[in-house]
N, C-alpha and C. Protein backbone atom coordinates (compact mmCIF):
# COMPACT_ATOMS: atom_id res chain seq x y z
N MET A 1 2.42 -13.15 7.05
CA MET A 1 2.16 -11.98 7.88
C MET A 1 2.49 -10.72 7.07
N ALA A 2 1.48 -9.91 6.80
CA ALA A 2 1.67 -8.73 5.96
C ALA A 2 2.39 -7.63 6.74
N ARG A 3 3.26 -6.94 6.05
CA ARG A 3 3.96 -5.80 6.65
C ARG A 3 4.52 -4.92 5.54
N TYR A 4 4.78 -3.67 5.86
CA TYR A 4 5.36 -2.75 4.89
C TYR A 4 6.85 -3.03 4.79
N ILE A 5 7.35 -3.18 3.55
CA ILE A 5 8.77 -3.50 3.36
C ILE A 5 9.48 -2.44 2.51
N GLY A 6 8.82 -1.32 2.27
CA GLY A 6 9.44 -0.26 1.48
C GLY A 6 10.33 0.63 2.34
N PRO A 7 10.92 1.67 1.75
CA PRO A 7 11.79 2.59 2.49
C PRO A 7 10.99 3.43 3.48
N VAL A 8 11.32 3.33 4.75
CA VAL A 8 10.52 4.01 5.77
C VAL A 8 10.76 5.51 5.82
N CYS A 9 11.89 5.98 5.31
CA CYS A 9 12.14 7.42 5.31
C CYS A 9 11.12 8.15 4.43
N LYS A 10 10.60 7.47 3.43
CA LYS A 10 9.56 8.06 2.58
C LYS A 10 8.29 8.32 3.40
N LEU A 11 8.03 7.49 4.38
CA LEU A 11 6.84 7.66 5.19
C LEU A 11 6.94 8.93 6.03
N CYS A 12 8.10 9.18 6.60
CA CYS A 12 8.30 10.41 7.38
C CYS A 12 8.17 11.63 6.48
N ARG A 13 8.75 11.57 5.30
CA ARG A 13 8.69 12.70 4.38
C ARG A 13 7.25 12.96 3.94
N ARG A 14 6.49 11.90 3.76
CA ARG A 14 5.09 12.08 3.36
C ARG A 14 4.29 12.78 4.44
N GLU A 15 4.58 12.48 5.70
CA GLU A 15 3.84 13.11 6.79
C GLU A 15 4.43 14.46 7.17
N GLY A 16 5.62 14.77 6.66
CA GLY A 16 6.22 16.07 6.93
C GLY A 16 6.82 16.20 8.31
N GLU A 17 7.09 15.08 8.98
CA GLU A 17 7.70 15.13 10.30
C GLU A 17 8.37 13.80 10.61
N LYS A 18 9.24 13.81 11.60
CA LYS A 18 9.92 12.58 11.98
C LYS A 18 8.97 11.67 12.73
N LEU A 19 8.90 10.43 12.29
CA LEU A 19 8.11 9.42 12.98
C LEU A 19 8.99 8.45 13.76
N PHE A 20 10.31 8.66 13.68
CA PHE A 20 11.30 7.86 14.43
C PHE A 20 11.13 6.37 14.14
N LEU A 21 11.15 6.05 12.85
CA LEU A 21 10.98 4.67 12.41
C LEU A 21 12.30 3.92 12.28
N LYS A 22 13.44 4.64 12.35
CA LYS A 22 14.74 3.97 12.18
C LYS A 22 15.65 4.15 13.39
N GLY A 23 15.04 4.40 14.54
CA GLY A 23 15.82 4.46 15.77
C GLY A 23 16.84 5.58 15.80
N ALA A 24 18.09 5.23 16.13
CA ALA A 24 19.14 6.23 16.31
C ALA A 24 19.42 7.03 15.05
N ARG A 25 19.22 6.43 13.89
CA ARG A 25 19.47 7.15 12.64
C ARG A 25 18.60 8.40 12.53
N CYS A 26 17.40 8.35 13.08
CA CYS A 26 16.50 9.51 13.02
C CYS A 26 17.05 10.70 13.79
N MET A 27 17.93 10.45 14.75
CA MET A 27 18.51 11.52 15.56
C MET A 27 19.85 11.99 15.01
N SER A 28 20.29 11.40 13.92
CA SER A 28 21.60 11.74 13.34
C SER A 28 21.44 12.62 12.11
N PRO A 29 22.54 13.24 11.63
CA PRO A 29 22.47 14.06 10.42
C PRO A 29 22.10 13.26 9.17
N LYS A 30 22.13 11.92 9.26
CA LYS A 30 21.80 11.09 8.11
C LYS A 30 20.29 10.99 7.87
N CYS A 31 19.49 11.49 8.80
CA CYS A 31 18.04 11.40 8.66
C CYS A 31 17.60 12.09 7.37
N ALA A 32 16.83 11.39 6.55
CA ALA A 32 16.45 11.89 5.23
C ALA A 32 15.64 13.17 5.29
N ILE A 33 14.81 13.31 6.31
CA ILE A 33 13.94 14.48 6.38
C ILE A 33 14.72 15.75 6.69
N GLU A 34 15.95 15.61 7.16
CA GLU A 34 16.80 16.78 7.40
C GLU A 34 17.25 17.40 6.09
N HIS A 35 17.32 16.60 5.03
CA HIS A 35 17.83 17.09 3.75
C HIS A 35 16.74 17.24 2.70
N ARG A 36 15.66 16.46 2.84
CA ARG A 36 14.58 16.50 1.85
C ARG A 36 13.26 16.66 2.59
N VAL A 37 12.89 17.89 2.86
CA VAL A 37 11.69 18.14 3.66
C VAL A 37 10.42 18.09 2.81
N TYR A 38 10.57 17.93 1.51
CA TYR A 38 9.41 17.86 0.64
C TYR A 38 8.91 16.41 0.54
N PRO A 39 7.65 16.20 0.15
CA PRO A 39 7.10 14.84 0.05
C PRO A 39 7.82 14.02 -1.01
N PRO A 40 7.80 12.70 -0.89
CA PRO A 40 8.44 11.85 -1.90
C PRO A 40 7.64 11.85 -3.20
N GLY A 41 8.27 11.40 -4.25
CA GLY A 41 7.57 11.30 -5.53
C GLY A 41 8.08 12.31 -6.55
N GLN A 42 7.65 12.11 -7.78
CA GLN A 42 8.12 12.93 -8.91
C GLN A 42 7.78 14.40 -8.73
N HIS A 43 6.62 14.69 -8.14
CA HIS A 43 6.18 16.07 -8.02
C HIS A 43 6.27 16.57 -6.57
N GLY A 44 7.11 15.92 -5.78
CA GLY A 44 7.22 16.29 -4.37
C GLY A 44 7.61 17.72 -4.15
N LYS A 45 8.62 18.19 -4.87
CA LYS A 45 9.08 19.57 -4.69
C LYS A 45 8.02 20.57 -5.11
N GLU A 46 7.27 20.24 -6.15
CA GLU A 46 6.23 21.16 -6.63
C GLU A 46 5.11 21.30 -5.60
N THR A 47 4.68 20.18 -5.02
CA THR A 47 3.58 20.24 -4.06
C THR A 47 3.99 20.95 -2.77
N GLN A 48 5.30 20.98 -2.50
CA GLN A 48 5.78 21.65 -1.30
C GLN A 48 5.41 23.13 -1.32
N TYR A 49 5.44 23.73 -2.50
CA TYR A 49 5.18 25.16 -2.62
C TYR A 49 3.73 25.46 -2.96
N LYS A 50 2.95 24.45 -3.34
CA LYS A 50 1.56 24.66 -3.71
C LYS A 50 0.60 24.39 -2.56
N ARG A 51 1.12 23.91 -1.44
CA ARG A 51 0.23 23.55 -0.34
C ARG A 51 -0.45 24.79 0.23
N GLY A 52 -1.76 24.71 0.34
CA GLY A 52 -2.53 25.77 0.99
C GLY A 52 -3.27 25.17 2.16
N ARG A 53 -4.48 25.63 2.40
CA ARG A 53 -5.29 25.09 3.48
C ARG A 53 -5.77 23.69 3.08
N THR A 54 -5.49 22.71 3.91
CA THR A 54 -5.90 21.34 3.60
C THR A 54 -7.36 21.14 4.02
N SER A 55 -8.03 20.21 3.36
CA SER A 55 -9.42 19.91 3.70
C SER A 55 -9.48 19.13 5.01
N ASP A 56 -10.68 19.09 5.60
CA ASP A 56 -10.87 18.34 6.83
C ASP A 56 -10.58 16.85 6.59
N TYR A 57 -11.03 16.35 5.43
CA TYR A 57 -10.80 14.94 5.11
C TYR A 57 -9.30 14.64 5.04
N ASN A 58 -8.55 15.52 4.40
CA ASN A 58 -7.10 15.28 4.27
C ASN A 58 -6.42 15.28 5.64
N ALA A 59 -6.84 16.19 6.51
CA ALA A 59 -6.26 16.24 7.86
C ALA A 59 -6.55 14.95 8.62
N GLN A 60 -7.78 14.46 8.47
CA GLN A 60 -8.16 13.21 9.15
C GLN A 60 -7.39 12.02 8.59
N LEU A 61 -7.26 11.98 7.26
CA LEU A 61 -6.53 10.89 6.62
C LEU A 61 -5.07 10.88 7.03
N ARG A 62 -4.45 12.05 7.04
CA ARG A 62 -3.04 12.11 7.39
C ARG A 62 -2.80 11.68 8.84
N GLU A 63 -3.72 12.02 9.73
CA GLU A 63 -3.55 11.63 11.14
C GLU A 63 -3.68 10.12 11.28
N LYS A 64 -4.62 9.52 10.54
CA LYS A 64 -4.78 8.08 10.58
C LYS A 64 -3.55 7.38 10.03
N GLN A 65 -3.03 7.87 8.91
CA GLN A 65 -1.84 7.28 8.30
C GLN A 65 -0.63 7.41 9.22
N LYS A 66 -0.53 8.55 9.88
CA LYS A 66 0.60 8.76 10.80
C LYS A 66 0.59 7.73 11.93
N ALA A 67 -0.59 7.51 12.53
CA ALA A 67 -0.69 6.53 13.62
C ALA A 67 -0.36 5.13 13.12
N ARG A 68 -0.88 4.77 11.95
CA ARG A 68 -0.59 3.46 11.37
C ARG A 68 0.91 3.26 11.19
N ARG A 69 1.57 4.28 10.66
CA ARG A 69 2.98 4.14 10.32
C ARG A 69 3.87 4.13 11.57
N ILE A 70 3.50 4.88 12.57
CA ILE A 70 4.27 4.87 13.82
C ILE A 70 4.27 3.47 14.43
N TYR A 71 3.11 2.83 14.46
CA TYR A 71 3.01 1.51 15.09
C TYR A 71 3.25 0.36 14.13
N GLY A 72 3.44 0.64 12.84
CA GLY A 72 3.72 -0.42 11.87
C GLY A 72 2.55 -1.34 11.61
N VAL A 73 1.35 -0.77 11.54
CA VAL A 73 0.13 -1.55 11.35
C VAL A 73 -0.46 -1.23 9.98
N LEU A 74 -0.89 -2.25 9.26
CA LEU A 74 -1.52 -2.04 7.97
C LEU A 74 -3.01 -1.70 8.14
N GLU A 75 -3.64 -1.28 7.03
CA GLU A 75 -4.98 -0.71 7.11
C GLU A 75 -6.02 -1.66 7.69
N ARG A 76 -6.07 -2.90 7.24
CA ARG A 76 -7.11 -3.81 7.70
C ARG A 76 -7.00 -4.06 9.20
N GLN A 77 -5.79 -4.24 9.68
CA GLN A 77 -5.60 -4.49 11.10
C GLN A 77 -5.93 -3.22 11.91
N PHE A 78 -5.55 -2.06 11.38
CA PHE A 78 -5.83 -0.81 12.07
C PHE A 78 -7.34 -0.59 12.18
N ARG A 79 -8.07 -0.94 11.14
CA ARG A 79 -9.52 -0.80 11.16
C ARG A 79 -10.14 -1.71 12.23
N ARG A 80 -9.57 -2.91 12.41
CA ARG A 80 -10.07 -3.81 13.45
C ARG A 80 -9.81 -3.22 14.84
N TYR A 81 -8.64 -2.62 15.01
CA TYR A 81 -8.36 -1.96 16.29
C TYR A 81 -9.40 -0.87 16.57
N TYR A 82 -9.73 -0.10 15.54
CA TYR A 82 -10.70 0.98 15.73
C TYR A 82 -12.08 0.41 16.06
N ALA A 83 -12.49 -0.66 15.37
CA ALA A 83 -13.80 -1.25 15.63
C ALA A 83 -13.90 -1.73 17.08
N GLU A 84 -12.82 -2.34 17.57
CA GLU A 84 -12.83 -2.81 18.96
C GLU A 84 -12.85 -1.65 19.94
N ALA A 85 -12.09 -0.59 19.61
CA ALA A 85 -12.04 0.59 20.48
C ALA A 85 -13.41 1.26 20.57
N SER A 86 -14.14 1.28 19.44
CA SER A 86 -15.46 1.92 19.43
C SER A 86 -16.48 1.12 20.22
N ARG A 87 -16.28 -0.19 20.34
CA ARG A 87 -17.21 -1.03 21.11
C ARG A 87 -16.92 -0.99 22.60
N SER A 88 -15.72 -0.60 22.98
CA SER A 88 -15.33 -0.58 24.39
C SER A 88 -15.87 0.67 25.07
N SER A 89 -16.03 0.61 26.38
CA SER A 89 -16.49 1.77 27.13
C SER A 89 -15.36 2.80 27.21
N GLY A 90 -15.75 4.05 27.30
CA GLY A 90 -14.75 5.11 27.38
C GLY A 90 -14.63 5.88 26.08
N VAL A 91 -13.58 6.66 25.97
CA VAL A 91 -13.35 7.50 24.79
C VAL A 91 -12.72 6.65 23.69
N THR A 92 -13.35 6.63 22.53
CA THR A 92 -12.89 5.75 21.44
C THR A 92 -11.46 6.03 21.04
N GLY A 93 -11.11 7.30 20.85
CA GLY A 93 -9.76 7.64 20.42
C GLY A 93 -8.70 7.20 21.41
N ALA A 94 -8.95 7.44 22.68
CA ALA A 94 -8.00 7.03 23.73
C ALA A 94 -7.91 5.51 23.78
N ASN A 95 -9.04 4.82 23.64
CA ASN A 95 -9.03 3.35 23.63
C ASN A 95 -8.16 2.82 22.50
N LEU A 96 -8.26 3.45 21.34
CA LEU A 96 -7.48 3.03 20.17
C LEU A 96 -5.98 3.14 20.43
N ILE A 97 -5.55 4.28 20.95
CA ILE A 97 -4.12 4.49 21.20
C ILE A 97 -3.61 3.54 22.27
N VAL A 98 -4.40 3.30 23.30
CA VAL A 98 -3.99 2.38 24.38
C VAL A 98 -3.85 0.96 23.83
N GLN A 99 -4.77 0.53 22.97
CA GLN A 99 -4.67 -0.79 22.35
C GLN A 99 -3.38 -0.94 21.57
N LEU A 100 -3.05 0.06 20.77
CA LEU A 100 -1.82 0.02 19.98
C LEU A 100 -0.59 0.01 20.88
N GLU A 101 -0.67 0.74 21.98
CA GLU A 101 0.46 0.84 22.89
C GLU A 101 0.72 -0.49 23.60
N CYS A 102 -0.31 -1.32 23.74
CA CYS A 102 -0.18 -2.59 24.45
C CYS A 102 0.26 -3.74 23.55
N ARG A 103 0.56 -3.47 22.30
CA ARG A 103 1.11 -4.51 21.43
C ARG A 103 2.48 -4.94 21.98
N LEU A 104 2.79 -6.21 21.85
CA LEU A 104 4.05 -6.72 22.40
C LEU A 104 5.27 -6.05 21.76
N ASP A 105 5.25 -5.84 20.44
CA ASP A 105 6.41 -5.21 19.82
C ASP A 105 6.61 -3.79 20.34
N ASN A 106 5.52 -3.06 20.58
CA ASN A 106 5.65 -1.72 21.12
C ASN A 106 6.17 -1.74 22.56
N VAL A 107 5.72 -2.72 23.35
CA VAL A 107 6.17 -2.83 24.74
C VAL A 107 7.67 -3.11 24.78
N ILE A 108 8.15 -3.98 23.90
CA ILE A 108 9.59 -4.26 23.84
C ILE A 108 10.36 -2.97 23.51
N TYR A 109 9.81 -2.18 22.60
CA TYR A 109 10.44 -0.90 22.25
C TYR A 109 10.41 0.06 23.43
N ARG A 110 9.28 0.16 24.11
CA ARG A 110 9.14 1.08 25.24
C ARG A 110 10.07 0.68 26.41
N LEU A 111 10.34 -0.60 26.54
CA LEU A 111 11.25 -1.05 27.60
C LEU A 111 12.70 -0.71 27.31
N GLY A 112 12.99 -0.27 26.09
CA GLY A 112 14.36 0.06 25.71
C GLY A 112 15.15 -1.13 25.22
N LEU A 113 14.46 -2.24 24.91
CA LEU A 113 15.14 -3.45 24.46
C LEU A 113 15.35 -3.46 22.95
N ALA A 114 14.83 -2.47 22.26
CA ALA A 114 14.99 -2.37 20.81
C ALA A 114 15.16 -0.91 20.43
N ASP A 115 15.81 -0.68 19.30
CA ASP A 115 16.10 0.67 18.84
C ASP A 115 14.90 1.34 18.19
N SER A 116 13.98 0.54 17.68
CA SER A 116 12.78 1.06 17.03
C SER A 116 11.70 -0.01 17.11
N ARG A 117 10.48 0.34 16.73
CA ARG A 117 9.40 -0.65 16.75
C ARG A 117 9.65 -1.74 15.71
N ALA A 118 10.24 -1.38 14.59
CA ALA A 118 10.55 -2.39 13.57
C ALA A 118 11.59 -3.38 14.10
N HIS A 119 12.58 -2.86 14.83
CA HIS A 119 13.59 -3.73 15.45
C HIS A 119 12.94 -4.64 16.49
N ALA A 120 12.02 -4.07 17.29
CA ALA A 120 11.32 -4.87 18.30
C ALA A 120 10.48 -5.96 17.64
N ARG A 121 9.85 -5.61 16.53
CA ARG A 121 9.04 -6.61 15.81
C ARG A 121 9.91 -7.78 15.36
N GLN A 122 11.11 -7.48 14.88
CA GLN A 122 12.01 -8.54 14.43
C GLN A 122 12.44 -9.43 15.59
N LEU A 123 12.75 -8.82 16.74
CA LEU A 123 13.14 -9.61 17.90
C LEU A 123 12.01 -10.54 18.35
N VAL A 124 10.78 -10.03 18.33
CA VAL A 124 9.65 -10.86 18.72
C VAL A 124 9.44 -12.00 17.73
N LEU A 125 9.51 -11.70 16.45
CA LEU A 125 9.30 -12.72 15.42
C LEU A 125 10.32 -13.85 15.52
N HIS A 126 11.52 -13.52 16.00
CA HIS A 126 12.58 -14.52 16.13
C HIS A 126 12.52 -15.27 17.47
N ARG A 127 11.43 -15.11 18.19
CA ARG A 127 11.19 -15.86 19.44
C ARG A 127 12.24 -15.59 20.51
N HIS A 128 12.64 -14.35 20.66
CA HIS A 128 13.64 -14.03 21.68
C HIS A 128 13.01 -13.73 23.04
N PHE A 129 11.66 -13.67 23.10
CA PHE A 129 11.01 -13.30 24.37
C PHE A 129 9.94 -14.31 24.75
N ASP A 130 9.80 -14.47 26.06
CA ASP A 130 8.71 -15.28 26.63
C ASP A 130 7.75 -14.34 27.36
N VAL A 131 6.47 -14.61 27.26
CA VAL A 131 5.46 -13.88 28.02
C VAL A 131 4.82 -14.87 28.98
N ASN A 132 5.00 -14.62 30.26
CA ASN A 132 4.51 -15.54 31.30
C ASN A 132 5.07 -16.94 31.10
N GLY A 133 6.34 -17.01 30.67
CA GLY A 133 7.02 -18.28 30.51
C GLY A 133 6.75 -19.00 29.20
N VAL A 134 5.94 -18.40 28.32
CA VAL A 134 5.59 -19.04 27.06
C VAL A 134 6.26 -18.29 25.91
N PRO A 135 7.05 -18.98 25.06
CA PRO A 135 7.67 -18.30 23.91
C PRO A 135 6.59 -17.68 23.03
N THR A 136 6.76 -16.40 22.71
CA THR A 136 5.74 -15.66 21.95
C THR A 136 6.37 -14.96 20.77
N ASN A 137 5.89 -15.26 19.58
CA ASN A 137 6.45 -14.64 18.38
C ASN A 137 5.38 -13.89 17.59
N ILE A 138 4.41 -13.33 18.29
CA ILE A 138 3.32 -12.58 17.65
C ILE A 138 3.47 -11.10 18.04
N PRO A 139 3.94 -10.25 17.13
CA PRO A 139 4.15 -8.83 17.46
C PRO A 139 2.89 -8.13 17.96
N SER A 140 1.71 -8.56 17.47
CA SER A 140 0.46 -7.90 17.85
C SER A 140 -0.13 -8.44 19.16
N TYR A 141 0.55 -9.39 19.79
CA TYR A 141 0.06 -9.94 21.06
C TYR A 141 -0.16 -8.79 22.04
N ARG A 142 -1.33 -8.76 22.65
CA ARG A 142 -1.67 -7.65 23.55
C ARG A 142 -1.35 -8.02 24.99
N VAL A 143 -0.44 -7.28 25.57
CA VAL A 143 -0.06 -7.55 26.96
C VAL A 143 -1.12 -7.00 27.90
N ARG A 144 -1.20 -7.57 29.09
CA ARG A 144 -2.16 -7.14 30.10
C ARG A 144 -1.45 -6.95 31.43
N ALA A 145 -2.11 -6.28 32.33
CA ALA A 145 -1.53 -6.02 33.65
C ALA A 145 -1.15 -7.35 34.31
N GLY A 146 0.06 -7.40 34.83
CA GLY A 146 0.55 -8.60 35.50
C GLY A 146 1.39 -9.51 34.63
N ASP A 147 1.41 -9.27 33.32
CA ASP A 147 2.22 -10.10 32.43
C ASP A 147 3.70 -9.92 32.71
N GLN A 148 4.45 -11.04 32.66
CA GLN A 148 5.90 -11.03 32.87
C GLN A 148 6.59 -11.31 31.53
N ILE A 149 7.57 -10.50 31.20
CA ILE A 149 8.30 -10.64 29.94
C ILE A 149 9.76 -10.93 30.26
N THR A 150 10.28 -12.03 29.71
CA THR A 150 11.66 -12.40 29.94
C THR A 150 12.30 -12.80 28.61
N VAL A 151 13.63 -12.80 28.59
CA VAL A 151 14.36 -13.25 27.41
C VAL A 151 14.32 -14.77 27.36
N HIS A 152 14.05 -15.31 26.21
CA HIS A 152 13.97 -16.77 26.06
C HIS A 152 15.30 -17.42 26.44
N GLY A 153 15.22 -18.60 27.00
CA GLY A 153 16.42 -19.27 27.52
C GLY A 153 17.56 -19.36 26.54
N LYS A 154 17.31 -19.76 25.31
CA LYS A 154 18.37 -19.92 24.32
C LYS A 154 18.92 -18.59 23.82
N SER A 155 18.17 -17.52 24.04
CA SER A 155 18.60 -16.20 23.55
C SER A 155 19.48 -15.45 24.54
N LYS A 156 19.49 -15.89 25.80
CA LYS A 156 20.23 -15.16 26.83
C LYS A 156 21.72 -15.07 26.54
N ASN A 157 22.26 -16.07 25.84
CA ASN A 157 23.70 -16.10 25.58
C ASN A 157 24.10 -15.38 24.30
N LEU A 158 23.13 -14.84 23.58
CA LEU A 158 23.46 -14.08 22.37
C LEU A 158 24.17 -12.79 22.76
N PRO A 159 25.16 -12.36 21.97
CA PRO A 159 25.90 -11.12 22.31
C PRO A 159 24.99 -9.92 22.54
N TYR A 160 23.92 -9.80 21.76
CA TYR A 160 23.03 -8.63 21.91
C TYR A 160 22.43 -8.57 23.30
N PHE A 161 21.95 -9.70 23.82
CA PHE A 161 21.31 -9.69 25.13
C PHE A 161 22.32 -9.71 26.27
N ARG A 162 23.52 -10.21 26.02
CA ARG A 162 24.56 -10.15 27.06
C ARG A 162 25.05 -8.72 27.25
N GLU A 163 24.94 -7.90 26.20
CA GLU A 163 25.40 -6.51 26.26
C GLU A 163 24.25 -5.51 26.22
N ILE A 164 23.04 -5.99 26.52
CA ILE A 164 21.86 -5.14 26.37
C ILE A 164 21.91 -3.90 27.25
N ARG A 165 22.57 -3.99 28.40
CA ARG A 165 22.66 -2.83 29.29
C ARG A 165 23.35 -1.65 28.59
N ASN A 166 24.37 -1.95 27.78
CA ASN A 166 25.08 -0.88 27.07
C ASN A 166 24.19 -0.22 26.02
N TYR A 167 23.36 -1.03 25.36
CA TYR A 167 22.46 -0.48 24.34
C TYR A 167 21.39 0.40 24.98
N MET A 168 20.90 0.00 26.15
CA MET A 168 19.79 0.69 26.78
C MET A 168 20.17 2.05 27.33
N GLU A 169 21.47 2.30 27.54
CA GLU A 169 21.90 3.57 28.11
C GLU A 169 21.50 4.77 27.25
N ASN A 170 21.47 4.59 25.93
CA ASN A 170 21.17 5.69 25.02
C ASN A 170 19.72 5.71 24.56
N ARG A 171 18.87 4.92 25.22
CA ARG A 171 17.47 4.86 24.84
C ARG A 171 16.59 5.44 25.95
N PRO A 172 15.40 5.91 25.62
CA PRO A 172 14.50 6.47 26.65
C PRO A 172 14.18 5.45 27.74
N ARG A 173 13.94 5.94 28.94
CA ARG A 173 13.59 5.06 30.04
C ARG A 173 12.19 4.50 29.85
N ALA A 174 11.95 3.35 30.44
CA ALA A 174 10.63 2.71 30.34
C ALA A 174 9.58 3.59 31.03
N PRO A 175 8.37 3.68 30.48
CA PRO A 175 7.31 4.48 31.11
C PRO A 175 6.88 3.88 32.44
N GLU A 176 6.08 4.63 33.19
CA GLU A 176 5.71 4.23 34.55
C GLU A 176 4.84 2.98 34.59
N TRP A 177 4.15 2.68 33.50
CA TRP A 177 3.25 1.52 33.53
C TRP A 177 3.99 0.21 33.24
N LEU A 178 5.31 0.33 32.99
CA LEU A 178 6.15 -0.85 32.79
C LEU A 178 7.30 -0.83 33.79
N SER A 179 7.82 -1.99 34.12
CA SER A 179 9.01 -2.07 34.97
C SER A 179 9.98 -3.06 34.37
N ILE A 180 11.27 -2.80 34.57
CA ILE A 180 12.29 -3.69 34.03
C ILE A 180 13.46 -3.74 34.99
N SER A 181 14.04 -4.91 35.13
CA SER A 181 15.21 -5.08 36.00
C SER A 181 16.23 -5.96 35.29
N LEU A 182 17.49 -5.56 35.41
CA LEU A 182 18.59 -6.33 34.83
C LEU A 182 19.44 -6.87 35.94
N SER A 183 19.72 -8.15 35.89
CA SER A 183 20.55 -8.77 36.93
C SER A 183 21.44 -9.81 36.28
N SER A 184 22.27 -10.44 37.11
CA SER A 184 23.15 -11.49 36.60
C SER A 184 22.36 -12.69 36.10
N ASN A 185 21.13 -12.82 36.59
CA ASN A 185 20.28 -13.94 36.17
C ASN A 185 19.56 -13.67 34.85
N GLY A 186 19.65 -12.45 34.37
CA GLY A 186 18.99 -12.12 33.11
C GLY A 186 18.13 -10.88 33.23
N LEU A 187 17.18 -10.78 32.35
CA LEU A 187 16.31 -9.62 32.26
C LEU A 187 14.89 -10.00 32.61
N GLU A 188 14.25 -9.18 33.43
CA GLU A 188 12.86 -9.42 33.78
C GLU A 188 12.10 -8.11 33.65
N ALA A 189 10.98 -8.16 32.97
CA ALA A 189 10.13 -6.98 32.81
C ALA A 189 8.70 -7.38 33.11
N SER A 190 7.91 -6.42 33.53
CA SER A 190 6.51 -6.71 33.83
C SER A 190 5.64 -5.53 33.46
N VAL A 191 4.37 -5.85 33.20
CA VAL A 191 3.37 -4.83 32.89
C VAL A 191 2.64 -4.53 34.19
N ILE A 192 2.85 -3.35 34.73
CA ILE A 192 2.25 -3.00 36.02
C ILE A 192 0.76 -2.75 35.88
N ARG A 193 0.40 -2.04 34.83
CA ARG A 193 -1.00 -1.68 34.59
C ARG A 193 -1.14 -1.25 33.14
N GLN A 194 -2.36 -1.00 32.72
CA GLN A 194 -2.59 -0.46 31.39
C GLN A 194 -2.15 1.00 31.35
N PRO A 195 -1.61 1.45 30.22
CA PRO A 195 -1.21 2.86 30.14
C PRO A 195 -2.43 3.77 30.05
N GLU A 196 -2.25 5.01 30.42
CA GLU A 196 -3.28 6.03 30.23
C GLU A 196 -2.87 6.90 29.06
N ARG A 197 -3.86 7.48 28.40
CA ARG A 197 -3.56 8.26 27.19
C ARG A 197 -2.58 9.39 27.47
N ARG A 198 -2.68 10.03 28.62
CA ARG A 198 -1.80 11.16 28.92
C ARG A 198 -0.34 10.74 29.08
N GLU A 199 -0.10 9.44 29.27
CA GLU A 199 1.27 8.94 29.44
C GLU A 199 1.92 8.58 28.11
N ILE A 200 1.15 8.58 27.04
CA ILE A 200 1.66 8.14 25.74
C ILE A 200 2.08 9.37 24.94
N ASP A 201 3.38 9.57 24.82
CA ASP A 201 3.92 10.78 24.21
C ASP A 201 4.03 10.62 22.69
N LEU A 202 2.91 10.76 22.01
CA LEU A 202 2.88 10.66 20.55
C LEU A 202 2.21 11.90 19.97
N PRO A 203 2.73 12.42 18.85
CA PRO A 203 2.14 13.61 18.23
C PRO A 203 0.93 13.24 17.38
N ILE A 204 -0.08 12.63 18.02
CA ILE A 204 -1.25 12.15 17.30
C ILE A 204 -2.51 12.78 17.90
N ASN A 205 -3.36 13.31 17.04
CA ASN A 205 -4.67 13.80 17.47
C ASN A 205 -5.68 12.71 17.12
N GLU A 206 -5.95 11.84 18.07
CA GLU A 206 -6.79 10.68 17.79
C GLU A 206 -8.23 11.05 17.46
N GLN A 207 -8.66 12.25 17.85
CA GLN A 207 -10.03 12.66 17.52
C GLN A 207 -10.22 12.75 16.01
N LEU A 208 -9.17 13.15 15.29
CA LEU A 208 -9.25 13.21 13.83
C LEU A 208 -9.42 11.81 13.23
N ILE A 209 -8.81 10.82 13.87
CA ILE A 209 -8.96 9.43 13.40
C ILE A 209 -10.39 8.97 13.60
N VAL A 210 -10.97 9.32 14.74
CA VAL A 210 -12.37 8.97 15.01
C VAL A 210 -13.27 9.62 13.97
N GLU A 211 -13.00 10.87 13.65
CA GLU A 211 -13.80 11.57 12.64
C GLU A 211 -13.64 10.93 11.27
N TYR A 212 -12.45 10.45 10.96
CA TYR A 212 -12.23 9.80 9.67
C TYR A 212 -13.10 8.56 9.52
N TYR A 213 -13.13 7.71 10.56
CA TYR A 213 -13.90 6.46 10.47
C TYR A 213 -15.39 6.68 10.72
N SER A 214 -15.77 7.87 11.18
CA SER A 214 -17.19 8.16 11.45
C SER A 214 -17.88 8.83 10.28
N ARG A 215 -17.17 8.99 9.17
CA ARG A 215 -17.79 9.68 8.01
C ARG A 215 -18.99 8.90 7.50
């Protein structure tokens, strides 16, 4: 399974903004972009002062790269998402973002069960969650309305899941299209419906991505 394994702080610096790829660290003074606002690389500082008006192509490319990096998707898979979004009815850009939002690793992150999407991906890969009672270790699994997400039986006794309520206190609340309940019997979450684009709080202009692939 292909994935990016390099330093993620370089990705934020390349885009010139926080992409929140390292969870709580991004909100702390240790965040790399707080100290090095210039792009990574040997000539990063030089390009910081030489930047002028960017071309339309560069703006489109940067928006596509930003979306890929936020969701942790590599180019080939991202292109497949776009192809499917373009074939579906409705607005292509909105379809693309909704598809990415419905990935299982993103849903685990949105529920507050992980500190970042990378953390959520790791939890899914280690088979800590069941979807509709079936152990699922595919981060790209697309959830649908009515799906039930629970902690796998053997994982319930792990310290992380026994103390998950304490971790969730400092994380954003689950969006309206998801529901989650914590009880003595464990954790239960469900997908109420598909998200709408206006509910997805991401600094992405998906129209630029559509323009990039429509060249």
